[in-house]
Each structure stands twice: as structure tokens, then as C-alpha cells.
N, C-alpha and C. Protein backbone atom coordinates (compact mmCIF):
# COMPACT_ATOMS: atom_id res chain seq x y z
N MET A 1 39.43 -4.88 55.73
CA MET A 1 39.27 -3.44 55.51
C MET A 1 37.80 -3.07 55.67
N ASN A 2 37.51 -2.16 56.54
CA ASN A 2 36.14 -1.70 56.72
C ASN A 2 35.89 -0.50 55.83
N MET A 3 34.69 -0.46 55.24
CA MET A 3 34.31 0.65 54.40
C MET A 3 33.30 1.49 55.19
N ASN A 4 33.52 2.78 55.23
CA ASN A 4 32.55 3.59 55.95
C ASN A 4 31.34 3.87 55.05
N ARG A 5 30.27 4.35 55.66
CA ARG A 5 29.01 4.54 54.94
C ARG A 5 29.17 5.50 53.76
N ARG A 6 29.93 6.58 53.94
CA ARG A 6 30.09 7.55 52.86
C ARG A 6 30.76 6.91 51.64
N ASP A 7 31.81 6.10 51.86
CA ASP A 7 32.48 5.41 50.75
C ASP A 7 31.53 4.44 50.07
N ALA A 8 30.72 3.75 50.86
CA ALA A 8 29.75 2.81 50.28
C ALA A 8 28.73 3.55 49.42
N LEU A 9 28.25 4.70 49.91
CA LEU A 9 27.29 5.48 49.14
C LEU A 9 27.89 5.97 47.83
N LYS A 10 29.13 6.44 47.89
CA LYS A 10 29.80 6.89 46.67
C LYS A 10 29.90 5.75 45.67
N SER A 11 30.23 4.57 46.12
CA SER A 11 30.36 3.42 45.24
C SER A 11 29.03 3.09 44.58
N VAL A 12 27.98 3.09 45.37
CA VAL A 12 26.66 2.78 44.82
C VAL A 12 26.23 3.83 43.81
N VAL A 13 26.44 5.10 44.14
CA VAL A 13 26.05 6.18 43.22
C VAL A 13 26.84 6.08 41.92
N LEU A 14 28.12 5.79 42.01
CA LEU A 14 28.91 5.63 40.79
C LEU A 14 28.41 4.47 39.95
N MET A 15 28.03 3.37 40.61
CA MET A 15 27.51 2.22 39.87
C MET A 15 26.19 2.56 39.20
N MET A 16 25.39 3.42 39.83
CA MET A 16 24.11 3.82 39.26
C MET A 16 24.31 4.89 38.18
N GLY A 17 25.53 5.26 37.92
CA GLY A 17 25.80 6.27 36.90
C GLY A 17 25.51 7.67 37.37
N GLY A 18 25.41 7.87 38.66
CA GLY A 18 25.16 9.22 39.19
C GLY A 18 23.77 9.72 38.90
N THR A 19 22.81 8.81 38.64
CA THR A 19 21.46 9.22 38.26
C THR A 19 20.58 9.58 39.43
N MET A 20 21.00 9.27 40.62
CA MET A 20 20.19 9.51 41.80
C MET A 20 20.15 11.00 42.14
N VAL A 21 19.01 11.45 42.66
CA VAL A 21 18.90 12.83 43.11
C VAL A 21 19.87 13.03 44.26
N GLY A 22 20.64 14.10 44.24
CA GLY A 22 21.61 14.36 45.28
C GLY A 22 22.96 13.72 45.01
N ALA A 23 23.11 13.09 43.84
CA ALA A 23 24.35 12.37 43.53
C ALA A 23 25.56 13.29 43.50
N THR A 24 25.39 14.50 43.02
CA THR A 24 26.52 15.42 42.93
C THR A 24 27.11 15.68 44.31
N ALA A 25 26.26 15.89 45.30
CA ALA A 25 26.75 16.16 46.65
C ALA A 25 27.48 14.95 47.21
N ILE A 26 26.98 13.76 46.94
CA ILE A 26 27.63 12.55 47.45
C ILE A 26 28.99 12.37 46.79
N LEU A 27 29.05 12.55 45.48
CA LEU A 27 30.29 12.32 44.75
C LEU A 27 31.37 13.35 45.09
N THR A 28 30.98 14.59 45.30
CA THR A 28 31.98 15.62 45.59
C THR A 28 32.25 15.74 47.08
N GLY A 29 31.35 15.23 47.90
CA GLY A 29 31.52 15.34 49.35
C GLY A 29 31.15 16.72 49.87
N CYS A 30 30.53 17.53 49.04
CA CYS A 30 30.15 18.88 49.44
C CYS A 30 28.63 19.01 49.50
N ALA A 31 28.16 19.80 50.42
CA ALA A 31 26.73 20.08 50.48
C ALA A 31 26.39 21.04 49.34
N PRO A 32 25.17 20.95 48.81
CA PRO A 32 24.77 21.90 47.77
C PRO A 32 24.86 23.33 48.27
N ASP A 33 25.05 24.26 47.34
CA ASP A 33 25.20 25.67 47.71
C ASP A 33 23.96 26.23 48.38
N LYS A 34 22.79 25.91 47.84
CA LYS A 34 21.56 26.50 48.35
C LYS A 34 20.65 25.41 48.88
N GLN A 35 20.35 25.47 50.18
CA GLN A 35 19.45 24.52 50.81
C GLN A 35 18.44 25.27 51.66
N ILE A 36 17.35 24.61 52.02
CA ILE A 36 16.33 25.23 52.86
C ILE A 36 16.90 25.38 54.27
N GLU A 37 16.91 26.60 54.77
CA GLU A 37 17.41 26.88 56.12
C GLU A 37 16.45 26.28 57.15
N GLY A 38 16.99 25.58 58.12
CA GLY A 38 16.18 25.06 59.21
C GLY A 38 15.24 23.92 58.84
N LEU A 39 15.49 23.25 57.73
CA LEU A 39 14.64 22.12 57.34
C LEU A 39 14.71 21.05 58.42
N ASP A 40 13.57 20.67 58.93
CA ASP A 40 13.55 19.67 60.00
C ASP A 40 12.38 18.74 59.77
N PHE A 41 12.52 17.51 60.22
CA PHE A 41 11.49 16.50 60.09
C PHE A 41 11.12 16.03 61.49
N SER A 42 9.82 15.89 61.73
CA SER A 42 9.34 15.46 63.04
C SER A 42 9.45 13.94 63.17
N PRO A 43 9.34 13.41 64.38
CA PRO A 43 9.32 11.96 64.55
C PRO A 43 8.17 11.31 63.74
N GLU A 44 7.05 12.03 63.61
CA GLU A 44 5.94 11.52 62.80
C GLU A 44 6.33 11.43 61.33
N ASP A 45 7.11 12.40 60.84
CA ASP A 45 7.59 12.37 59.45
C ASP A 45 8.50 11.17 59.24
N ILE A 46 9.38 10.92 60.19
CA ILE A 46 10.30 9.78 60.08
C ILE A 46 9.53 8.47 60.11
N ALA A 47 8.52 8.37 60.96
CA ALA A 47 7.68 7.17 61.01
C ALA A 47 6.94 6.98 59.69
N PHE A 48 6.47 8.07 59.09
CA PHE A 48 5.80 8.02 57.79
C PHE A 48 6.76 7.52 56.72
N LEU A 49 7.99 8.03 56.73
CA LEU A 49 9.00 7.57 55.77
C LEU A 49 9.35 6.11 56.00
N ASP A 50 9.40 5.68 57.25
CA ASP A 50 9.63 4.26 57.56
C ASP A 50 8.56 3.39 56.93
N GLU A 51 7.30 3.82 57.02
CA GLU A 51 6.19 3.04 56.45
C GLU A 51 6.25 3.02 54.93
N ILE A 52 6.61 4.14 54.31
CA ILE A 52 6.75 4.16 52.86
C ILE A 52 7.88 3.22 52.45
N GLY A 53 9.02 3.32 53.14
CA GLY A 53 10.15 2.44 52.83
C GLY A 53 9.81 0.98 53.02
N ASP A 54 9.04 0.67 54.07
CA ASP A 54 8.66 -0.71 54.33
C ASP A 54 7.65 -1.22 53.31
N THR A 55 6.93 -0.32 52.67
CA THR A 55 6.03 -0.71 51.59
C THR A 55 6.85 -1.05 50.34
N ILE A 56 7.92 -0.31 50.11
CA ILE A 56 8.79 -0.55 48.95
C ILE A 56 9.63 -1.81 49.16
N ILE A 57 10.22 -1.97 50.34
CA ILE A 57 11.00 -3.17 50.68
C ILE A 57 10.41 -3.73 51.98
N PRO A 58 9.38 -4.60 51.84
CA PRO A 58 8.73 -5.14 53.03
C PRO A 58 9.53 -6.25 53.68
N GLU A 59 9.15 -6.56 54.89
CA GLU A 59 9.78 -7.69 55.60
C GLU A 59 9.32 -8.99 54.94
N THR A 60 10.27 -9.84 54.62
CA THR A 60 9.99 -11.17 54.09
C THR A 60 10.77 -12.14 54.96
N ASP A 61 11.61 -12.97 54.35
CA ASP A 61 12.49 -13.80 55.17
C ASP A 61 13.68 -12.99 55.66
N THR A 62 13.80 -11.76 55.20
CA THR A 62 14.80 -10.81 55.69
C THR A 62 14.06 -9.57 56.22
N PRO A 63 14.67 -8.82 57.12
CA PRO A 63 14.01 -7.61 57.63
C PRO A 63 13.72 -6.62 56.51
N GLY A 64 12.67 -5.83 56.71
CA GLY A 64 12.30 -4.81 55.73
C GLY A 64 13.04 -3.50 55.95
N ALA A 65 12.67 -2.51 55.15
CA ALA A 65 13.34 -1.21 55.20
C ALA A 65 13.15 -0.50 56.54
N LYS A 66 12.00 -0.70 57.16
CA LYS A 66 11.77 -0.05 58.46
C LYS A 66 12.79 -0.54 59.49
N ALA A 67 13.10 -1.82 59.47
CA ALA A 67 14.07 -2.38 60.42
C ALA A 67 15.46 -1.79 60.21
N ALA A 68 15.74 -1.33 59.00
CA ALA A 68 17.03 -0.73 58.70
C ALA A 68 17.07 0.76 59.05
N GLY A 69 15.96 1.30 59.55
CA GLY A 69 15.91 2.71 59.91
C GLY A 69 15.87 3.62 58.70
N ILE A 70 15.11 3.24 57.70
CA ILE A 70 15.11 3.94 56.42
C ILE A 70 14.61 5.38 56.52
N GLY A 71 13.67 5.65 57.43
CA GLY A 71 13.16 7.01 57.58
C GLY A 71 14.26 7.97 58.02
N THR A 72 15.05 7.57 58.98
CA THR A 72 16.17 8.39 59.46
C THR A 72 17.19 8.59 58.35
N PHE A 73 17.46 7.54 57.57
CA PHE A 73 18.40 7.64 56.46
C PHE A 73 17.89 8.65 55.42
N MET A 74 16.61 8.55 55.06
CA MET A 74 16.05 9.47 54.06
C MET A 74 16.18 10.92 54.52
N VAL A 75 15.85 11.16 55.79
CA VAL A 75 15.94 12.53 56.32
C VAL A 75 17.38 13.04 56.22
N MET A 76 18.34 12.21 56.60
CA MET A 76 19.75 12.62 56.53
C MET A 76 20.14 12.95 55.08
N MET A 77 19.74 12.11 54.15
CA MET A 77 20.10 12.34 52.74
C MET A 77 19.45 13.61 52.20
N VAL A 78 18.19 13.82 52.50
CA VAL A 78 17.48 15.02 52.01
C VAL A 78 18.11 16.28 52.59
N LYS A 79 18.42 16.25 53.88
CA LYS A 79 18.99 17.44 54.53
C LYS A 79 20.44 17.68 54.09
N ASP A 80 21.21 16.62 53.84
CA ASP A 80 22.64 16.79 53.55
C ASP A 80 22.99 16.86 52.07
N THR A 81 22.20 16.24 51.20
CA THR A 81 22.63 16.14 49.81
C THR A 81 21.69 16.79 48.80
N TYR A 82 20.47 17.08 49.17
CA TYR A 82 19.53 17.68 48.22
C TYR A 82 19.68 19.19 48.22
N ASP A 83 19.54 19.78 47.04
CA ASP A 83 19.54 21.24 46.97
C ASP A 83 18.14 21.76 47.32
N GLU A 84 17.99 23.06 47.35
CA GLU A 84 16.74 23.68 47.79
C GLU A 84 15.53 23.20 46.99
N ASN A 85 15.66 23.15 45.66
CA ASN A 85 14.53 22.71 44.83
C ASN A 85 14.18 21.25 45.08
N GLN A 86 15.18 20.42 45.22
CA GLN A 86 14.94 19.00 45.49
C GLN A 86 14.31 18.81 46.86
N GLN A 87 14.78 19.57 47.85
CA GLN A 87 14.20 19.49 49.18
C GLN A 87 12.73 19.90 49.16
N LYS A 88 12.44 20.97 48.43
CA LYS A 88 11.05 21.44 48.33
C LYS A 88 10.20 20.39 47.63
N THR A 89 10.71 19.80 46.56
CA THR A 89 9.98 18.75 45.86
C THR A 89 9.70 17.57 46.79
N PHE A 90 10.69 17.20 47.59
CA PHE A 90 10.54 16.07 48.51
C PHE A 90 9.48 16.37 49.57
N VAL A 91 9.58 17.51 50.24
CA VAL A 91 8.64 17.87 51.30
C VAL A 91 7.23 18.03 50.73
N ASP A 92 7.10 18.73 49.60
CA ASP A 92 5.79 18.90 48.97
C ASP A 92 5.21 17.55 48.55
N GLY A 93 6.07 16.66 48.06
CA GLY A 93 5.63 15.33 47.64
C GLY A 93 5.12 14.51 48.81
N LEU A 94 5.81 14.57 49.94
CA LEU A 94 5.34 13.85 51.13
C LEU A 94 3.98 14.38 51.59
N ASN A 95 3.85 15.71 51.59
CA ASN A 95 2.57 16.30 51.99
C ASN A 95 1.46 15.90 51.03
N MET A 96 1.78 15.84 49.74
CA MET A 96 0.81 15.44 48.73
C MET A 96 0.39 13.98 48.94
N ILE A 97 1.35 13.10 49.22
CA ILE A 97 1.04 11.69 49.45
C ILE A 97 0.12 11.54 50.67
N ARG A 98 0.47 12.22 51.74
CA ARG A 98 -0.37 12.16 52.96
C ARG A 98 -1.80 12.56 52.67
N LYS A 99 -1.96 13.72 52.03
CA LYS A 99 -3.30 14.26 51.77
C LYS A 99 -4.04 13.41 50.75
N ASP A 100 -3.40 13.11 49.63
CA ASP A 100 -4.06 12.37 48.57
C ASP A 100 -4.45 10.96 49.01
N PHE A 101 -3.57 10.31 49.76
CA PHE A 101 -3.89 8.95 50.22
C PHE A 101 -5.09 8.97 51.15
N LYS A 102 -5.11 9.91 52.09
CA LYS A 102 -6.23 10.00 53.04
C LYS A 102 -7.52 10.35 52.31
N ASP A 103 -7.43 11.27 51.34
CA ASP A 103 -8.63 11.65 50.57
C ASP A 103 -9.17 10.47 49.75
N SER A 104 -8.26 9.70 49.16
CA SER A 104 -8.72 8.61 48.28
C SER A 104 -9.07 7.34 49.03
N LYS A 105 -8.41 7.05 50.15
CA LYS A 105 -8.64 5.80 50.87
C LYS A 105 -9.45 5.98 52.16
N GLY A 106 -9.55 7.22 52.64
CA GLY A 106 -10.30 7.47 53.85
C GLY A 106 -9.58 7.11 55.14
N VAL A 107 -8.28 6.80 55.02
CA VAL A 107 -7.49 6.43 56.19
C VAL A 107 -6.07 6.94 55.96
N GLU A 108 -5.35 7.17 57.04
CA GLU A 108 -3.97 7.62 56.91
C GLU A 108 -3.10 6.49 56.38
N PHE A 109 -2.04 6.87 55.68
CA PHE A 109 -1.13 5.90 55.05
C PHE A 109 -0.62 4.87 56.06
N GLU A 110 -0.21 5.35 57.23
CA GLU A 110 0.37 4.47 58.23
C GLU A 110 -0.61 3.43 58.76
N LYS A 111 -1.91 3.71 58.69
CA LYS A 111 -2.93 2.81 59.24
C LYS A 111 -3.57 1.93 58.16
N ALA A 112 -3.20 2.14 56.91
CA ALA A 112 -3.79 1.38 55.81
C ALA A 112 -3.13 0.01 55.69
N SER A 113 -3.77 -0.87 54.95
CA SER A 113 -3.21 -2.20 54.74
C SER A 113 -2.00 -2.11 53.80
N ALA A 114 -1.15 -3.09 53.88
CA ALA A 114 0.05 -3.13 53.03
C ALA A 114 -0.35 -3.16 51.56
N GLU A 115 -1.45 -3.84 51.24
CA GLU A 115 -1.91 -3.94 49.85
C GLU A 115 -2.35 -2.57 49.32
N ASP A 116 -3.09 -1.81 50.16
CA ASP A 116 -3.54 -0.48 49.74
C ASP A 116 -2.35 0.46 49.55
N ARG A 117 -1.38 0.39 50.44
CA ARG A 117 -0.19 1.24 50.32
C ARG A 117 0.56 0.93 49.03
N LEU A 118 0.78 -0.36 48.80
CA LEU A 118 1.52 -0.77 47.61
C LEU A 118 0.78 -0.37 46.34
N ALA A 119 -0.53 -0.57 46.31
CA ALA A 119 -1.32 -0.19 45.13
C ALA A 119 -1.21 1.32 44.88
N TYR A 120 -1.25 2.10 45.95
CA TYR A 120 -1.15 3.55 45.81
C TYR A 120 0.22 3.96 45.24
N LEU A 121 1.30 3.42 45.82
CA LEU A 121 2.65 3.78 45.35
C LEU A 121 2.88 3.28 43.92
N ASN A 122 2.37 2.09 43.59
CA ASN A 122 2.49 1.60 42.21
C ASN A 122 1.72 2.50 41.25
N GLY A 123 0.56 2.99 41.68
CA GLY A 123 -0.21 3.92 40.86
C GLY A 123 0.56 5.21 40.61
N MET A 124 1.23 5.71 41.64
CA MET A 124 2.07 6.91 41.47
C MET A 124 3.17 6.66 40.47
N TYR A 125 3.80 5.50 40.58
CA TYR A 125 4.89 5.14 39.67
C TYR A 125 4.39 5.06 38.23
N GLU A 126 3.25 4.43 38.01
CA GLU A 126 2.67 4.33 36.66
C GLU A 126 2.30 5.71 36.13
N GLN A 127 1.76 6.56 37.01
CA GLN A 127 1.43 7.94 36.63
C GLN A 127 2.69 8.68 36.19
N TYR A 128 3.78 8.50 36.95
CA TYR A 128 5.04 9.16 36.62
C TYR A 128 5.55 8.71 35.26
N LYS A 129 5.52 7.40 35.01
CA LYS A 129 6.03 6.86 33.75
C LYS A 129 5.24 7.36 32.55
N SER A 130 3.93 7.55 32.73
CA SER A 130 3.09 7.95 31.60
C SER A 130 2.93 9.46 31.46
N SER A 131 3.42 10.22 32.44
CA SER A 131 3.25 11.67 32.44
C SER A 131 4.32 12.33 31.57
N GLU A 132 3.89 13.30 30.78
CA GLU A 132 4.84 14.03 29.94
C GLU A 132 5.69 14.99 30.76
N ASN A 133 5.14 15.56 31.81
CA ASN A 133 5.91 16.51 32.61
C ASN A 133 6.62 15.84 33.78
N ARG A 134 6.56 14.51 33.82
CA ARG A 134 7.29 13.70 34.82
C ARG A 134 6.96 14.08 36.25
N GLU A 135 5.69 14.19 36.57
CA GLU A 135 5.26 14.41 37.94
C GLU A 135 4.48 13.19 38.39
N PRO A 136 4.47 12.79 39.59
CA PRO A 136 5.21 13.33 40.71
C PRO A 136 6.60 12.71 40.84
N GLN A 137 7.61 13.52 40.87
CA GLN A 137 8.99 13.08 40.97
C GLN A 137 9.28 12.43 42.32
N ILE A 138 8.46 12.68 43.30
CA ILE A 138 8.68 12.14 44.65
C ILE A 138 8.79 10.62 44.65
N ILE A 139 8.08 9.94 43.76
CA ILE A 139 8.10 8.48 43.78
C ILE A 139 9.50 7.96 43.47
N TYR A 140 10.22 8.59 42.55
CA TYR A 140 11.59 8.16 42.26
C TYR A 140 12.53 8.51 43.40
N MET A 141 12.33 9.65 44.02
CA MET A 141 13.15 10.01 45.17
C MET A 141 12.99 8.96 46.27
N LEU A 142 11.75 8.59 46.56
CA LEU A 142 11.49 7.61 47.61
C LEU A 142 12.07 6.25 47.27
N LYS A 143 11.91 5.83 46.02
CA LYS A 143 12.46 4.53 45.62
C LYS A 143 13.98 4.53 45.69
N ASP A 144 14.61 5.58 45.14
CA ASP A 144 16.08 5.67 45.17
C ASP A 144 16.62 5.65 46.59
N LEU A 145 16.03 6.47 47.45
CA LEU A 145 16.51 6.56 48.82
C LEU A 145 16.28 5.26 49.59
N THR A 146 15.15 4.61 49.33
CA THR A 146 14.87 3.35 50.03
C THR A 146 15.85 2.27 49.62
N VAL A 147 16.06 2.11 48.33
CA VAL A 147 16.98 1.08 47.85
C VAL A 147 18.41 1.38 48.31
N LEU A 148 18.84 2.61 48.15
CA LEU A 148 20.19 2.99 48.56
C LEU A 148 20.38 2.80 50.06
N GLY A 149 19.46 3.30 50.85
CA GLY A 149 19.57 3.20 52.31
C GLY A 149 19.50 1.78 52.81
N TYR A 150 18.64 0.98 52.21
CA TYR A 150 18.49 -0.40 52.68
C TYR A 150 19.73 -1.23 52.36
N PHE A 151 20.18 -1.18 51.14
CA PHE A 151 21.28 -2.05 50.75
C PHE A 151 22.66 -1.56 51.21
N THR A 152 22.73 -0.34 51.73
CA THR A 152 23.98 0.11 52.34
C THR A 152 23.91 0.07 53.86
N SER A 153 22.78 -0.37 54.39
CA SER A 153 22.65 -0.54 55.84
C SER A 153 23.25 -1.88 56.24
N GLU A 154 23.52 -2.03 57.52
CA GLU A 154 24.05 -3.30 58.01
C GLU A 154 23.07 -4.43 57.75
N ILE A 155 21.80 -4.18 57.99
CA ILE A 155 20.78 -5.21 57.77
C ILE A 155 20.71 -5.60 56.31
N GLY A 156 20.64 -4.63 55.42
CA GLY A 156 20.54 -4.93 53.99
C GLY A 156 21.77 -5.63 53.45
N ALA A 157 22.95 -5.15 53.86
CA ALA A 157 24.19 -5.72 53.33
C ALA A 157 24.49 -7.11 53.89
N THR A 158 24.09 -7.37 55.13
CA THR A 158 24.46 -8.65 55.73
C THR A 158 23.35 -9.68 55.72
N GLN A 159 22.08 -9.24 55.68
CA GLN A 159 20.99 -10.20 55.72
C GLN A 159 20.27 -10.36 54.39
N ALA A 160 20.20 -9.30 53.58
CA ALA A 160 19.54 -9.41 52.28
C ALA A 160 20.54 -9.74 51.17
N LEU A 161 21.77 -9.34 51.35
CA LEU A 161 22.82 -9.63 50.38
C LEU A 161 23.81 -10.62 51.00
N ASN A 162 24.64 -11.17 50.17
CA ASN A 162 25.69 -12.07 50.63
C ASN A 162 26.91 -11.22 50.92
N TYR A 163 27.20 -11.02 52.19
CA TYR A 163 28.26 -10.10 52.60
C TYR A 163 29.54 -10.86 52.94
N VAL A 164 30.63 -10.44 52.30
CA VAL A 164 31.94 -10.98 52.61
C VAL A 164 32.80 -9.78 53.01
N GLU A 165 33.12 -9.65 54.31
CA GLU A 165 33.80 -8.46 54.79
C GLU A 165 35.17 -8.29 54.14
N VAL A 166 35.96 -9.34 54.12
CA VAL A 166 37.29 -9.28 53.52
C VAL A 166 37.40 -10.46 52.57
N PRO A 167 37.20 -10.22 51.28
CA PRO A 167 37.31 -11.34 50.36
C PRO A 167 38.73 -11.91 50.36
N GLY A 168 38.83 -13.22 50.33
CA GLY A 168 40.15 -13.85 50.36
C GLY A 168 40.86 -13.81 49.03
N ARG A 169 40.11 -13.87 47.97
CA ARG A 169 40.72 -13.85 46.65
C ARG A 169 39.68 -13.37 45.64
N TYR A 170 40.13 -13.06 44.46
CA TYR A 170 39.23 -12.63 43.40
C TYR A 170 38.73 -13.85 42.65
N ASP A 171 37.43 -13.99 42.58
CA ASP A 171 36.81 -15.01 41.76
C ASP A 171 36.04 -14.30 40.66
N GLY A 172 36.54 -14.39 39.45
CA GLY A 172 35.93 -13.67 38.33
C GLY A 172 34.60 -14.24 37.90
N CYS A 173 34.36 -15.50 38.19
CA CYS A 173 33.11 -16.12 37.75
C CYS A 173 32.59 -16.99 38.89
N ILE A 174 31.54 -16.52 39.51
CA ILE A 174 30.93 -17.26 40.62
C ILE A 174 29.54 -17.68 40.17
N ASP A 175 29.26 -18.96 40.26
CA ASP A 175 27.94 -19.45 39.90
C ASP A 175 26.92 -19.01 40.94
N LEU A 176 25.83 -18.44 40.46
CA LEU A 176 24.70 -18.11 41.33
C LEU A 176 23.57 -19.05 40.98
N LYS A 177 23.07 -19.73 41.95
CA LYS A 177 21.96 -20.65 41.76
C LYS A 177 20.67 -19.94 42.14
N PRO A 178 19.55 -20.39 41.61
CA PRO A 178 18.28 -19.76 42.01
C PRO A 178 18.15 -19.76 43.54
N GLY A 179 17.80 -18.61 44.08
CA GLY A 179 17.66 -18.48 45.52
C GLY A 179 18.89 -17.91 46.19
N ASP A 180 20.06 -17.91 45.51
CA ASP A 180 21.27 -17.32 46.09
C ASP A 180 21.11 -15.82 46.15
N ARG A 181 21.70 -15.22 47.16
CA ARG A 181 21.65 -13.77 47.31
C ARG A 181 22.80 -13.14 46.52
N ALA A 182 22.56 -11.94 46.00
CA ALA A 182 23.62 -11.18 45.32
C ALA A 182 24.64 -10.77 46.37
N TYR A 183 25.84 -10.46 45.92
CA TYR A 183 26.90 -10.06 46.84
C TYR A 183 26.82 -8.58 47.14
N ALA A 184 27.06 -8.19 48.38
CA ALA A 184 27.12 -6.81 48.79
C ALA A 184 28.41 -6.21 48.28
N ILE A 185 28.40 -4.90 48.04
CA ILE A 185 29.62 -4.23 47.58
C ILE A 185 30.38 -3.70 48.76
């Protein structure tokens, strides 16, 4: 039995307890009532999102998020499942990251070292955790979309996870040894 991408996304969102931004649209299968008209992302925006995703899930012994086409996935999710306020937060957050990173590091995000990118995103995450008003929310959007997109992609499900297309039987207790990959859903 093959599962299509929409069913896989619904399953992941349900397992996450529906906490992801845009979860309502995924669960109901309906686009939000109010969205930004004509929202579009340039190829440069997609490349920027690919680099952010690859910083969150870099290439190791398995391909990274960029290889899974994470930028294109993020754009699709933002355009199809985010409401107007969430879309504005996402776009404003990307613009803020571009400007702030260049101002603080003197180089564009895409041209910086992997260590500088990771330090910057980790700093944003720590800032979010310690902030009373929970800004910048963009870091959670980026993390959620990267993890969701990567592990529901063919690359993530088959190369980073242990993928069994049609399980032969139910095994209620499977021993996992150190180094074993988790099973894909």
C-alpha cells in the first residue's frame, strides 16, 4: 500500500499533537480562509530556504535537507497551509534573518560557513526560548517545516529512517541497537 504525501503529513501532524503551524489546514484538508494574495517566492528565496534547512539537517552519512528539496517544500507549505498572519510572520522572519545575519557577520547567509550559520540559528532558538513575548517565531516555523519536509521526503524516509514499504507482520517489540535508524511511518 502506497501512502501519498498528504496522508503522510496528516499522520505526522497528528503524532505531533497538531502543534505545528498550519496544522489545522493539513488536518482538515482545507486552505485557510484568509491568505496573502499573490504570495510568491523567488528562486533565490528557495535557495535561501534550502541553505537554512541544510543547516538544521546537514549532510552526514545521509543526504541533508537541501538534497530533499526542503526549500520547495517550505514554500508549498507556507503558501498552502499558513493563514495570512502566519505567512506574514514567515516572510518578515526570512527578511529579518537575511538582514540581521549580514549585519552581524558581514556576509550573506548562503556564503557563510556552516558553523556560523548554525551558531546564528542556535542563538535565535535560545533567544526564542528565553523571550517572554516568544519572538522570533520564525525559528520554530523553520525547524518544524524542515523536520516535517525532510522525514516525509523520499530521501528522509528511505535513507535517514528505516523504511519498510509493506510490513509483513506486526512486531510489537523490536530491539533497536545503538546506531540503528528509527522506522519511517
